[in-house]
Structure formats: structure tokens, C-alpha cells
Amino acid sequence: MSLVGQILVNLKATLAGTVDIGSVSHDIDKKFVQAIADGVGAGQANQMWADNRTIAASASENLDLAGSLANALGATLTFTSIKAILIIAAAANANNVVVGGAASNAFALFGDPTDTIAIRPGGCLLITDFNANGYAVTAATGDILKVANSGSGTTVTYDIVIIGEV
């Protein structure tokens, strides 16, 4: 089994307006490119997990990064570090998808129960760290990534991709 890939983000925007005489514009074209080589170390990863998930109204789920997720080939993953997390909230959601806030054994990136990020409907969250260590996962003490539905009444759906090292 091997993993290779690339993360590409391309942000293009133009701010345009008029002034007393004429017009002005400001263009932004910012790119982020991260190649992913197979292995363990800087710029490398060797496993990934991806899924489309649904959470009931006012509910949450704890994703155990060390031992409960299985990749597309059926191998159970015990991540030791995370290099990238991408979460995309479905545009049709009425509620936010809230990431983080595990009461215990929280993944290092969200180490405190008050550490959360709300992803609004149609929004996304991308976090990367491709240095040699990535974000550490510590089995049984720092391996829970909590994902919650922010409200009542309706379910939320989201896509998630986690790339890391085992």
C-alpha cells in the first residue's frame, strides 16, 4: 500500500471600485500547493481515511484516530500523526458542523473542550501540517476528534478526509 497526492488551494479575488476620477482594482492570486509523498516524515504520509457522514439533530460523534477507523482497503488505522484534515459541510445543512470539543482524550489540535470550530453550511475547513511530526495522535489520551451537529431539528451531513501517518 502506498499514498501519494497533492493538496491544491487557489484563491483568486478582485476588489474593484470607482474613485473621483477613474476606477481602481486590487487582484489577489494566492496559491498553496503541498505535494504528498509516501512515507513518514516531512512532506510525507502513508494513510488516509475518507467518508461522507451524517449526524442526527443535536448529536455528536467521536472519531477515534487511533484504532477505530478503517481505510478504503479495509485496514484499521492507528494514526500516530495527522498531516491534513479536510471537512466540507453540505450546503443543504440547516445547522453548523462543529469540530472539536471532546470532553476527554481530545486530539491535540482541539486539546480543550472549549476548542471548537463551527463550519457553516456549504463551508469547509482545511488544516495541514506536513512538517516531520504533523499533529501528534496519542492513543488513549489524545486521539478523539469530536464532530457535532450545532442544533436541533435536522441532521447535518459532511465529507471528511484525514491524511496522516501510522
Protein backbone atom coordinates (compact mmCIF):
# COMPACT_ATOMS: atom_id res chain seq x y z
CA MET A 1 0.00 0.00 0.00
CA SER A 2 1.28 3.47 -0.81
CA LEU A 3 -0.06 7.01 -0.67
CA VAL A 4 0.82 9.88 -2.98
CA GLY A 5 -1.11 13.04 -3.68
CA GLN A 6 -1.30 16.78 -3.74
CA ILE A 7 -3.27 19.45 -1.91
CA LEU A 8 -4.09 22.45 -4.08
CA VAL A 9 -5.72 25.68 -2.91
CA ASN A 10 -6.09 28.56 -5.34
CA LEU A 11 -7.64 31.77 -4.02
CA LYS A 12 -8.44 34.37 -6.67
CA ALA A 13 -10.27 37.58 -5.87
CA THR A 14 -10.65 41.08 -7.28
CA LEU A 15 -11.75 44.11 -5.31
CA ALA A 16 -12.95 46.78 -7.73
CA GLY A 17 -14.39 50.21 -7.22
CA THR A 18 -14.62 53.72 -8.51
CA VAL A 19 -12.88 56.82 -7.23
CA ASP A 20 -13.38 60.51 -8.07
CA ILE A 21 -11.67 60.09 -11.41
CA GLY A 22 -11.44 56.59 -12.83
CA SER A 23 -11.56 53.18 -11.25
CA VAL A 24 -9.27 51.00 -9.15
CA SER A 25 -8.90 47.30 -8.62
CA HIS A 26 -6.83 45.02 -6.44
CA ASP A 27 -6.24 41.44 -7.57
CA ILE A 28 -5.22 38.55 -5.35
CA ASP A 29 -4.00 35.25 -6.76
CA LYS A 30 -2.68 33.17 -3.87
CA LYS A 31 -1.77 29.51 -4.26
CA PHE A 32 -0.97 26.81 -1.74
CA VAL A 33 0.46 23.57 -3.08
CA GLN A 34 1.54 20.65 -0.93
CA ALA A 35 2.90 17.51 -2.57
CA ILE A 36 2.38 14.32 -0.58
CA ALA A 37 4.97 11.57 -0.90
CA ASP A 38 4.57 8.10 0.56
CA GLY A 39 6.37 7.62 3.86
CA VAL A 40 6.80 9.06 7.32
CA GLY A 41 8.50 12.42 7.64
CA ALA A 42 8.41 15.93 6.24
CA GLY A 43 6.13 16.18 3.19
CA GLN A 44 5.05 12.57 3.62
CA ALA A 45 2.09 10.49 4.78
CA ASN A 46 1.22 6.83 4.42
CA GLN A 47 -2.51 6.50 5.13
CA MET A 48 -5.81 8.24 4.63
CA TRP A 49 -9.39 7.88 5.73
CA ALA A 50 -12.36 9.47 4.00
CA ASP A 51 -16.10 9.28 4.49
CA ASN A 52 -19.43 11.01 3.99
CA ARG A 53 -21.12 11.23 7.39
CA THR A 54 -24.47 12.27 8.82
CA ILE A 55 -25.07 13.37 12.41
CA ALA A 56 -28.55 13.42 13.96
CA ALA A 57 -30.06 16.64 15.31
CA SER A 58 -28.30 17.86 18.49
CA ALA A 59 -25.97 14.83 18.38
CA SER A 60 -22.23 14.31 18.03
CA GLU A 61 -19.74 11.59 17.22
CA ASN A 62 -16.22 10.86 18.39
CA LEU A 63 -13.84 9.76 15.67
CA ASP A 64 -11.08 7.68 17.27
CA LEU A 65 -7.95 8.43 15.27
CA ALA A 66 -6.04 5.56 16.88
CA GLY A 67 -7.72 2.27 16.18
CA SER A 68 -11.35 2.57 15.12
CA LEU A 69 -11.23 3.94 11.56
CA ALA A 70 -10.67 1.67 8.57
CA ASN A 71 -9.36 2.88 5.22
CA ALA A 72 -10.98 2.10 1.85
CA LEU A 73 -8.93 -1.11 1.61
CA GLY A 74 -10.23 -2.35 4.97
CA ALA A 75 -7.10 -1.77 7.07
CA THR A 76 -7.74 -0.47 10.59
CA LEU A 77 -5.80 2.75 11.11
CA THR A 78 -3.90 3.74 14.22
CA PHE A 79 -2.66 7.18 13.26
CA THR A 80 0.43 8.48 15.08
CA SER A 81 0.29 11.88 13.41
CA ILE A 82 -2.14 13.80 11.24
CA LYS A 83 -0.84 15.77 8.26
CA ALA A 84 -4.15 17.08 6.82
CA ILE A 85 -7.84 17.26 7.70
CA LEU A 86 -10.44 18.45 5.23
CA ILE A 87 -14.08 18.78 6.33
CA ILE A 88 -16.76 20.05 3.95
CA ALA A 89 -20.22 20.81 5.36
CA ALA A 90 -23.07 20.08 2.96
CA ALA A 91 -24.66 23.23 1.53
CA ALA A 92 -28.12 21.81 2.30
CA ASN A 93 -27.43 21.65 6.06
CA ALA A 94 -29.57 23.91 8.25
CA ASN A 95 -27.14 23.64 11.20
CA ASN A 96 -23.38 24.03 11.50
CA VAL A 97 -20.91 21.15 11.70
CA VAL A 98 -18.85 21.76 14.86
CA VAL A 99 -15.36 20.24 15.05
CA GLY A 100 -13.50 19.76 18.33
CA GLY A 101 -14.63 19.93 21.92
CA ALA A 102 -14.10 16.34 23.04
CA ALA A 103 -14.64 16.06 26.79
CA SER A 104 -11.67 13.70 27.20
CA ASN A 105 -8.78 12.26 25.16
CA ALA A 106 -9.08 15.12 22.67
CA PHE A 107 -6.91 15.16 19.55
CA ALA A 108 -4.03 17.64 20.09
CA LEU A 109 -5.35 20.24 17.66
CA PHE A 110 -8.50 20.57 19.81
CA GLY A 111 -6.97 19.80 23.20
CA ASP A 112 -9.50 21.64 25.36
CA PRO A 113 -13.28 21.01 25.42
CA THR A 114 -13.79 24.69 24.50
CA ASP A 115 -11.58 24.40 21.38
CA THR A 116 -14.10 24.18 18.53
CA ILE A 117 -14.58 25.43 15.01
CA ALA A 118 -18.06 25.79 13.51
CA ILE A 119 -18.30 25.09 9.79
CA ARG A 120 -21.39 26.73 8.35
CA PRO A 121 -23.49 25.06 5.64
CA GLY A 122 -21.52 24.98 2.39
CA GLY A 123 -18.28 25.86 4.17
CA CYS A 124 -15.09 23.91 4.63
CA LEU A 125 -12.15 23.56 6.97
CA LEU A 126 -8.68 22.57 5.76
CA ILE A 127 -5.81 22.18 8.20
CA THR A 128 -2.38 20.95 7.14
CA ASP A 129 0.95 20.34 8.84
CA PHE A 130 3.43 18.48 6.66
CA ASN A 131 6.49 19.04 8.81
CA ALA A 132 8.20 15.89 10.04
CA ASN A 133 5.91 15.49 13.06
CA GLY A 134 2.49 16.72 11.91
CA TYR A 135 -0.19 16.91 14.61
CA ALA A 136 0.52 14.19 17.17
CA VAL A 137 -2.04 11.47 17.90
CA THR A 138 -1.62 9.73 21.24
CA ALA A 139 -3.61 6.52 21.60
CA ALA A 140 -5.98 6.51 24.60
CA THR A 141 -5.06 10.06 25.71
CA GLY A 142 -5.10 12.30 22.64
CA ASP A 143 -6.91 10.59 19.78
CA ILE A 144 -10.56 11.73 19.75
CA LEU A 145 -11.79 14.12 17.06
CA LYS A 146 -15.30 15.17 18.02
CA VAL A 147 -17.73 16.29 15.31
CA ALA A 148 -21.15 17.62 16.29
CA ASN A 149 -24.40 18.97 14.91
CA SER A 150 -24.83 22.51 16.27
CA GLY A 151 -28.59 22.42 16.63
CA SER A 152 -31.86 20.60 16.79
CA GLY A 153 -34.48 19.81 14.19
CA THR A 154 -32.37 18.46 11.33
CA THR A 155 -29.38 16.26 10.61
CA VAL A 156 -26.10 17.56 9.21
CA THR A 157 -24.03 15.88 6.54
CA TYR A 158 -20.33 16.38 5.92
CA ASP A 159 -17.43 14.93 3.96
CA ILE A 160 -14.17 14.31 5.77
CA VAL A 161 -10.68 13.35 4.62
CA ILE A 162 -7.86 12.66 7.07
CA ILE A 163 -4.30 12.10 5.85
CA GLY A 164 -1.58 11.03 8.23
CA GLU A 165 0.99 8.52 9.37
CA VAL A 166 0.52 5.18 11.06
